[in-house]
Amino acid sequence: VQAGGSLRVSCAASGRTFTNYIMGWFRQA
């Protein structure tokens, strides 16, 4: 994406009950 633009990333979970977990995002360059 170009500077100033937008993007949406998603994360699908499976396994234990999803609602019992807090969720987060990290990044690494």
Full PDB file with SEQRES, HELIX, SHEET, SSBOND, CRYST1, ORIGX, SCALE, CONECT and MASTER records, all heavy atoms in Angstrom:
SEQRES   1 A   29  VAL GLN ALA GLY GLY SER LEU ARG VAL SER CYS ALA ALA          
SEQRES   2 A   29  SER GLY ARG THR PHE THR ASN TYR ILE MET GLY TRP PHE          
SEQRES   3 A   29  ARG GLN ALA                                                  
HELIX    1 AA1 PHE A   18  ASN A   20  5                                   3    
CRYST1    1.000    1.000    1.000  90.00  90.00  90.00 P 1           1          
ORIGX1      1.000000  0.000000  0.000000        0.00000                         
ORIGX2      0.000000  1.000000  0.000000        0.00000                         
ORIGX3      0.000000  0.000000  1.000000        0.00000                         
SCALE1      1.000000  0.000000  0.000000        0.00000                         
SCALE2      0.000000  1.000000  0.000000        0.00000                         
SCALE3      0.000000  0.000000  1.000000        0.00000                         
ATOM      1  N   VAL A   1       0.844  -1.186   0.000  1.00  0.00           N  
ATOM      2  CA  VAL A   1       0.000   0.000   0.000  1.00  0.00           C  
ATOM      3  C   VAL A   1       0.886   1.245   0.000  1.00  0.00           C  
ATOM      4  O   VAL A   1       1.979   1.232   0.551  1.00  0.00           O  
ATOM      5  CB  VAL A   1      -0.951   0.005   1.223  1.00  0.00           C  
ATOM      6  CG1 VAL A   1      -0.148   0.047   2.524  1.00  0.00           C  
ATOM      7  CG2 VAL A   1      -1.933   1.148   1.151  1.00  0.00           C  
ATOM      8  N   GLN A   2       0.415   2.315  -0.634  1.00  0.00           N  
ATOM      9  CA  GLN A   2       1.160   3.571  -0.653  1.00  0.00           C  
ATOM     10  C   GLN A   2       0.970   4.336   0.649  1.00  0.00           C  
ATOM     11  O   GLN A   2      -0.035   4.170   1.340  1.00  0.00           O  
ATOM     12  CB  GLN A   2       0.709   4.446  -1.818  1.00  0.00           C  
ATOM     13  CG  GLN A   2       1.104   3.929  -3.185  1.00  0.00           C  
ATOM     14  CD  GLN A   2       0.775   4.903  -4.283  1.00  0.00           C  
ATOM     15  OE1 GLN A   2      -0.330   5.445  -4.332  1.00  0.00           O  
ATOM     16  NE2 GLN A   2       1.729   5.142  -5.173  1.00  0.00           N  
ATOM     17  N   ALA A   3       1.942   5.166   0.985  1.00  0.00           N  
ATOM     18  CA  ALA A   3       1.846   6.002   2.174  1.00  0.00           C  
ATOM     19  C   ALA A   3       0.558   6.819   2.127  1.00  0.00           C  
ATOM     20  O   ALA A   3       0.201   7.376   1.088  1.00  0.00           O  
ATOM     21  CB  ALA A   3       3.059   6.917   2.274  1.00  0.00           C  
ATOM     22  N   GLY A   4      -0.137   6.872   3.265  1.00  0.00           N  
ATOM     23  CA  GLY A   4      -1.402   7.575   3.336  1.00  0.00           C  
ATOM     24  C   GLY A   4      -2.603   6.691   3.066  1.00  0.00           C  
ATOM     25  O   GLY A   4      -3.743   7.102   3.298  1.00  0.00           O  
ATOM     26  N   GLY A   5      -2.355   5.484   2.605  1.00  0.00           N  
ATOM     27  CA  GLY A   5      -3.420   4.557   2.289  1.00  0.00           C  
ATOM     28  C   GLY A   5      -3.889   3.754   3.488  1.00  0.00           C  
ATOM     29  O   GLY A   5      -3.441   3.969   4.616  1.00  0.00           O  
ATOM     30  N   SER A   6      -4.790   2.800   3.236  1.00  0.00           N  
ATOM     31  CA  SER A   6      -5.373   1.982   4.294  1.00  0.00           C  
ATOM     32  C   SER A   6      -5.288   0.504   3.966  1.00  0.00           C  
ATOM     33  O   SER A   6      -5.216   0.111   2.806  1.00  0.00           O  
ATOM     34  CB  SER A   6      -6.842   2.356   4.508  1.00  0.00           C  
ATOM     35  OG  SER A   6      -6.992   3.705   4.897  1.00  0.00           O  
ATOM     36  N   LEU A   7      -5.325  -0.300   5.016  1.00  0.00           N  
ATOM     37  CA  LEU A   7      -5.280  -1.744   4.879  1.00  0.00           C  
ATOM     38  C   LEU A   7      -5.888  -2.365   6.130  1.00  0.00           C  
ATOM     39  O   LEU A   7      -5.740  -1.819   7.219  1.00  0.00           O  
ATOM     40  CB  LEU A   7      -3.837  -2.216   4.709  1.00  0.00           C  
ATOM     41  CG  LEU A   7      -3.589  -3.638   4.198  1.00  0.00           C  
ATOM     42  CD1 LEU A   7      -4.068  -3.770   2.757  1.00  0.00           C  
ATOM     43  CD2 LEU A   7      -2.112  -3.972   4.292  1.00  0.00           C  
ATOM     44  N   ARG A   8      -6.568  -3.496   5.976  1.00  0.00           N  
ATOM     45  CA  ARG A   8      -7.114  -4.209   7.126  1.00  0.00           C  
ATOM     46  C   ARG A   8      -6.576  -5.627   7.143  1.00  0.00           C  
ATOM     47  O   ARG A   8      -6.725  -6.364   6.169  1.00  0.00           O  
ATOM     48  CB  ARG A   8      -8.645  -4.248   7.094  1.00  0.00           C  
ATOM     49  CG  ARG A   8      -9.238  -4.827   8.389  1.00  0.00           C  
ATOM     50  CD  ARG A   8     -10.748  -4.864   8.386  1.00  0.00           C  
ATOM     51  NE  ARG A   8     -11.277  -5.939   7.554  1.00  0.00           N  
ATOM     52  CZ  ARG A   8     -12.528  -6.378   7.611  1.00  0.00           C  
ATOM     53  NH1 ARG A   8     -13.392  -5.825   8.458  1.00  0.00           N  
ATOM     54  NH2 ARG A   8     -12.925  -7.349   6.796  1.00  0.00           N  
ATOM     55  N   VAL A   9      -5.960  -6.001   8.258  1.00  0.00           N  
ATOM     56  CA  VAL A   9      -5.477  -7.358   8.433  1.00  0.00           C  
ATOM     57  C   VAL A   9      -6.421  -8.095   9.374  1.00  0.00           C  
ATOM     58  O   VAL A   9      -7.045  -7.494  10.245  1.00  0.00           O  
ATOM     59  CB  VAL A   9      -4.029  -7.400   8.970  1.00  0.00           C  
ATOM     60  CG1 VAL A   9      -3.061  -6.929   7.900  1.00  0.00           C  
ATOM     61  CG2 VAL A   9      -3.875  -6.553  10.226  1.00  0.00           C  
ATOM     62  N   SER A  10      -6.527  -9.411   9.194  1.00  0.00           N  
ATOM     63  CA  SER A  10      -7.440 -10.228   9.982  1.00  0.00           C  
ATOM     64  C   SER A  10      -6.689 -11.379  10.636  1.00  0.00           C  
ATOM     65  O   SER A  10      -5.628 -11.788  10.171  1.00  0.00           O  
ATOM     66  CB  SER A  10      -8.556 -10.792   9.100  1.00  0.00           C  
ATOM     67  OG  SER A  10      -9.275  -9.767   8.457  1.00  0.00           O  
ATOM     68  N   CYS A  11      -7.271 -11.906  11.702  1.00  0.00           N  
ATOM     69  CA  CYS A  11      -6.703 -13.045  12.408  1.00  0.00           C  
ATOM     70  C   CYS A  11      -7.829 -13.985  12.797  1.00  0.00           C  
ATOM     71  O   CYS A  11      -8.698 -13.621  13.592  1.00  0.00           O  
ATOM     72  CB  CYS A  11      -5.941 -12.578  13.652  1.00  0.00           C  
ATOM     73  SG  CYS A  11      -5.339 -13.920  14.710  1.00  0.00           S  
ATOM     74  N   ALA A  12      -7.825 -15.185  12.231  1.00  0.00           N  
ATOM     75  CA  ALA A  12      -8.838 -16.189  12.525  1.00  0.00           C  
ATOM     76  C   ALA A  12      -8.303 -17.162  13.572  1.00  0.00           C  
ATOM     77  O   ALA A  12      -7.196 -17.676  13.433  1.00  0.00           O  
ATOM     78  CB  ALA A  12      -9.222 -16.936  11.257  1.00  0.00           C  
ATOM     79  N   ALA A  13      -9.100 -17.412  14.608  1.00  0.00           N  
ATOM     80  CA  ALA A  13      -8.692 -18.285  15.700  1.00  0.00           C  
ATOM     81  C   ALA A  13      -9.476 -19.586  15.703  1.00  0.00           C  
ATOM     82  O   ALA A  13     -10.651 -19.630  15.334  1.00  0.00           O  
ATOM     83  CB  ALA A  13      -8.877 -17.574  17.038  1.00  0.00           C  
ATOM     84  N   SER A  14      -8.819 -20.648  16.149  1.00  0.00           N  
ATOM     85  CA  SER A  14      -9.474 -21.942  16.306  1.00  0.00           C  
ATOM     86  C   SER A  14      -8.892 -22.639  17.529  1.00  0.00           C  
ATOM     87  O   SER A  14      -7.808 -22.298  17.987  1.00  0.00           O  
ATOM     88  CB  SER A  14      -9.288 -22.812  15.064  1.00  0.00           C  
ATOM     89  OG  SER A  14      -7.915 -23.101  14.845  1.00  0.00           O  
ATOM     90  N   GLY A  15      -9.634 -23.616  18.064  1.00  0.00           N  
ATOM     91  CA  GLY A  15      -9.176 -24.328  19.246  1.00  0.00           C  
ATOM     92  C   GLY A  15     -10.080 -24.065  20.436  1.00  0.00           C  
ATOM     93  O   GLY A  15     -11.270 -24.348  20.381  1.00  0.00           O  
ATOM     94  N   ARG A  16      -9.516 -23.496  21.502  1.00  0.00           N  
ATOM     95  CA  ARG A  16     -10.290 -23.179  22.692  1.00  0.00           C  
ATOM     96  C   ARG A  16     -11.253 -22.029  22.445  1.00  0.00           C  
ATOM     97  O   ARG A  16     -11.161 -21.342  21.427  1.00  0.00           O  
ATOM     98  CB  ARG A  16      -9.360 -22.854  23.859  1.00  0.00           C  
ATOM     99  CG  ARG A  16      -8.306 -23.915  24.135  1.00  0.00           C  
ATOM    100  CD  ARG A  16      -8.924 -25.234  24.567  1.00  0.00           C  
ATOM    101  NE  ARG A  16      -9.469 -25.166  25.918  1.00  0.00           N  
ATOM    102  CZ  ARG A  16      -9.978 -26.185  26.579  1.00  0.00           C  
ATOM    103  NH1 ARG A  16     -10.029 -27.386  26.007  1.00  0.00           N  
ATOM    104  NH2 ARG A  16     -10.457 -26.026  27.802  1.00  0.00           N  
ATOM    105  N   THR A  17     -12.150 -21.805  23.394  1.00  0.00           N  
ATOM    106  CA  THR A  17     -13.185 -20.782  23.257  1.00  0.00           C  
ATOM    107  C   THR A  17     -12.584 -19.406  23.020  1.00  0.00           C  
ATOM    108  O   THR A  17     -11.874 -18.871  23.866  1.00  0.00           O  
ATOM    109  CB  THR A  17     -14.077 -20.750  24.501  1.00  0.00           C  
ATOM    110  OG1 THR A  17     -14.617 -22.049  24.730  1.00  0.00           O  
ATOM    111  CG2 THR A  17     -15.213 -19.763  24.317  1.00  0.00           C  
ATOM    112  N   PHE A  18     -12.890 -18.823  21.870  1.00  0.00           N  
ATOM    113  CA  PHE A  18     -12.331 -17.547  21.462  1.00  0.00           C  
ATOM    114  C   PHE A  18     -12.696 -16.413  22.407  1.00  0.00           C  
ATOM    115  O   PHE A  18     -11.870 -15.546  22.701  1.00  0.00           O  
ATOM    116  CB  PHE A  18     -12.791 -17.231  20.039  1.00  0.00           C  
ATOM    117  CG  PHE A  18     -12.298 -15.922  19.505  1.00  0.00           C  
ATOM    118  CD1 PHE A  18     -10.982 -15.762  19.131  1.00  0.00           C  
ATOM    119  CD2 PHE A  18     -13.171 -14.847  19.362  1.00  0.00           C  
ATOM    120  CE1 PHE A  18     -10.519 -14.555  18.621  1.00  0.00           C  
ATOM    121  CE2 PHE A  18     -12.722 -13.643  18.853  1.00  0.00           C  
ATOM    122  CZ  PHE A  18     -11.394 -13.496  18.483  1.00  0.00           C  
ATOM    123  N   THR A  19     -13.928 -16.398  22.894  1.00  0.00           N  
ATOM    124  CA  THR A  19     -14.404 -15.302  23.731  1.00  0.00           C  
ATOM    125  C   THR A  19     -13.706 -15.211  25.079  1.00  0.00           C  
ATOM    126  O   THR A  19     -13.808 -14.196  25.754  1.00  0.00           O  
ATOM    127  CB  THR A  19     -15.917 -15.392  23.956  1.00  0.00           C  
ATOM    128  OG1 THR A  19     -16.249 -16.688  24.473  1.00  0.00           O  
ATOM    129  CG2 THR A  19     -16.669 -15.176  22.649  1.00  0.00           C  
ATOM    130  N   ASN A  20     -13.009 -16.247  25.497  1.00  0.00           N  
ATOM    131  CA  ASN A  20     -12.305 -16.246  26.774  1.00  0.00           C  
ATOM    132  C   ASN A  20     -10.924 -15.602  26.689  1.00  0.00           C  
ATOM    133  O   ASN A  20     -10.233 -15.490  27.698  1.00  0.00           O  
ATOM    134  CB  ASN A  20     -12.154 -17.670  27.315  1.00  0.00           C  
ATOM    135  CG  ASN A  20     -13.458 -18.236  27.835  1.00  0.00           C  
ATOM    136  OD1 ASN A  20     -13.619 -19.451  27.906  1.00  0.00           O  
ATOM    137  ND2 ASN A  20     -14.388 -17.376  28.199  1.00  0.00           N  
ATOM    138  N   TYR A  21     -10.513 -15.181  25.508  1.00  0.00           N  
ATOM    139  CA  TYR A  21      -9.191 -14.616  25.306  1.00  0.00           C  
ATOM    140  C   TYR A  21      -9.236 -13.154  24.896  1.00  0.00           C  
ATOM    141  O   TYR A  21     -10.097 -12.734  24.130  1.00  0.00           O  
ATOM    142  CB  TYR A  21      -8.438 -15.402  24.224  1.00  0.00           C  
ATOM    143  CG  TYR A  21      -8.099 -16.816  24.610  1.00  0.00           C  
ATOM    144  CD1 TYR A  21      -8.984 -17.852  24.365  1.00  0.00           C  
ATOM    145  CD2 TYR A  21      -6.882 -17.111  25.218  1.00  0.00           C  
ATOM    146  CE1 TYR A  21      -8.678 -19.153  24.721  1.00  0.00           C  
ATOM    147  CE2 TYR A  21      -6.558 -18.408  25.578  1.00  0.00           C  
ATOM    148  CZ  TYR A  21      -7.461 -19.428  25.321  1.00  0.00           C  
ATOM    149  OH  TYR A  21      -7.142 -20.711  25.674  1.00  0.00           O  
ATOM    150  N   ILE A  22      -8.283 -12.401  25.419  1.00  0.00           N  
ATOM    151  CA  ILE A  22      -8.055 -11.077  24.869  1.00  0.00           C  
ATOM    152  C   ILE A  22      -7.182 -11.287  23.636  1.00  0.00           C  
ATOM    153  O   ILE A  22      -6.468 -12.290  23.543  1.00  0.00           O  
ATOM    154  CB  ILE A  22      -7.354 -10.127  25.867  1.00  0.00           C  
ATOM    155  CG1 ILE A  22      -5.950 -10.645  26.221  1.00  0.00           C  
ATOM    156  CG2 ILE A  22      -8.198  -9.957  27.119  1.00  0.00           C  
ATOM    157  CD1 ILE A  22      -5.096  -9.602  26.917  1.00  0.00           C  
ATOM    158  N   MET A  23      -7.248 -10.355  22.704  1.00  0.00           N  
ATOM    159  CA  MET A  23      -6.497 -10.489  21.467  1.00  0.00           C  
ATOM    160  C   MET A  23      -5.644  -9.253  21.233  1.00  0.00           C  
ATOM    161  O   MET A  23      -5.971  -8.159  21.701  1.00  0.00           O  
ATOM    162  CB  MET A  23      -7.449 -10.698  20.287  1.00  0.00           C  
ATOM    163  CG  MET A  23      -8.349 -11.919  20.408  1.00  0.00           C  
ATOM    164  SD  MET A  23      -7.415 -13.477  20.443  1.00  0.00           S  
ATOM    165  CE  MET A  23      -6.665 -13.450  18.812  1.00  0.00           C  
ATOM    166  N   GLY A  24      -4.572  -9.433  20.487  1.00  0.00           N  
ATOM    167  CA  GLY A  24      -3.703  -8.310  20.223  1.00  0.00           C  
ATOM    168  C   GLY A  24      -2.924  -8.445  18.938  1.00  0.00           C  
ATOM    169  O   GLY A  24      -2.922  -9.502  18.296  1.00  0.00           O  
ATOM    170  N   TRP A  25      -2.275  -7.347  18.574  1.00  0.00           N  
ATOM    171  CA  TRP A  25      -1.422  -7.306  17.391  1.00  0.00           C  
ATOM    172  C   TRP A  25      -0.045  -6.762  17.757  1.00  0.00           C  
ATOM    173  O   TRP A  25       0.073  -5.781  18.502  1.00  0.00           O  
ATOM    174  CB  TRP A  25      -2.022  -6.415  16.302  1.00  0.00           C  
ATOM    175  CG  TRP A  25      -3.235  -6.980  15.634  1.00  0.00           C  
ATOM    176  CD1 TRP A  25      -4.530  -6.753  15.953  1.00  0.00           C  
ATOM    177  CD2 TRP A  25      -3.246  -7.871  14.515  1.00  0.00           C  
ATOM    178  NE1 TRP A  25      -5.360  -7.437  15.106  1.00  0.00           N  
ATOM    179  CE2 TRP A  25      -4.592  -8.136  14.210  1.00  0.00           C  
ATOM    180  CE3 TRP A  25      -2.256  -8.460  13.738  1.00  0.00           C  
ATOM    181  CZ2 TRP A  25      -4.977  -8.973  13.166  1.00  0.00           C  
ATOM    182  CZ3 TRP A  25      -2.634  -9.300  12.703  1.00  0.00           C  
ATOM    183  CH2 TRP A  25      -3.974  -9.543  12.425  1.00  0.00           C  
ATOM    184  N   PHE A  26       0.984  -7.406  17.230  1.00  0.00           N  
ATOM    185  CA  PHE A  26       2.358  -6.942  17.317  1.00  0.00           C  
ATOM    186  C   PHE A  26       2.900  -6.830  15.904  1.00  0.00           C  
ATOM    187  O   PHE A  26       2.316  -7.359  14.967  1.00  0.00           O  
ATOM    188  CB  PHE A  26       3.222  -7.926  18.116  1.00  0.00           C  
ATOM    189  CG  PHE A  26       3.060  -7.830  19.609  1.00  0.00           C  
ATOM    190  CD1 PHE A  26       1.911  -8.281  20.231  1.00  0.00           C  
ATOM    191  CD2 PHE A  26       4.076  -7.293  20.389  1.00  0.00           C  
ATOM    192  CE1 PHE A  26       1.763  -8.199  21.606  1.00  0.00           C  
ATOM    193  CE2 PHE A  26       3.948  -7.214  21.768  1.00  0.00           C  
ATOM    194  CZ  PHE A  26       2.793  -7.662  22.377  1.00  0.00           C  
ATOM    195  N   ARG A  27       4.039  -6.161  15.753  1.00  0.00           N  
ATOM    196  CA  ARG A  27       4.677  -6.092  14.446  1.00  0.00           C  
ATOM    197  C   ARG A  27       6.188  -6.140  14.617  1.00  0.00           C  
ATOM    198  O   ARG A  27       6.722  -5.765  15.651  1.00  0.00           O  
ATOM    199  CB  ARG A  27       4.266  -4.827  13.693  1.00  0.00           C  
ATOM    200  CG  ARG A  27       4.729  -3.522  14.334  1.00  0.00           C  
ATOM    201  CD  ARG A  27       4.129  -2.334  13.603  1.00  0.00           C  
ATOM    202  NE  ARG A  27       4.596  -1.063  14.144  1.00  0.00           N  
ATOM    203  CZ  ARG A  27       4.151   0.127  13.761  1.00  0.00           C  
ATOM    204  NH1 ARG A  27       3.214   0.215  12.821  1.00  0.00           N  
ATOM    205  NH2 ARG A  27       4.636   1.237  14.306  1.00  0.00           N  
ATOM    206  N   GLN A  28       6.863  -6.613  13.576  1.00  0.00           N  
ATOM    207  CA  GLN A  28       8.309  -6.724  13.616  1.00  0.00           C  
ATOM    208  C   GLN A  28       8.906  -6.423  12.250  1.00  0.00           C  
ATOM    209  O   GLN A  28       8.576  -7.073  11.260  1.00  0.00           O  
ATOM    210  CB  GLN A  28       8.732  -8.122  14.080  1.00  0.00           C  
ATOM    211  CG  GLN A  28      10.225  -8.280  14.295  1.00  0.00           C  
ATOM    212  CD  GLN A  28      10.568  -9.568  15.015  1.00  0.00           C  
ATOM    213  OE1 GLN A  28       9.824 -10.542  14.977  1.00  0.00           O  
ATOM    214  NE2 GLN A  28      11.704  -9.579  15.696  1.00  0.00           N  
ATOM    215  N   ALA A  29       9.788  -5.436  12.209  1.00  0.00           N  
ATOM    216  CA  ALA A  29      10.501  -5.073  11.000  1.00  0.00           C  
ATOM    217  C   ALA A  29      11.853  -5.773  10.990  1.00  0.00           C  
ATOM    218  O   ALA A  29      12.374  -6.129  12.053  1.00  0.00           O  
ATOM    219  CB  ALA A  29      10.689  -3.566  10.930  1.00  0.00           C  
TER     220      ALA A  29                                                      
MASTER        0    0    0    1    0    0    0    6  219    1    0    3          
END                                                                             
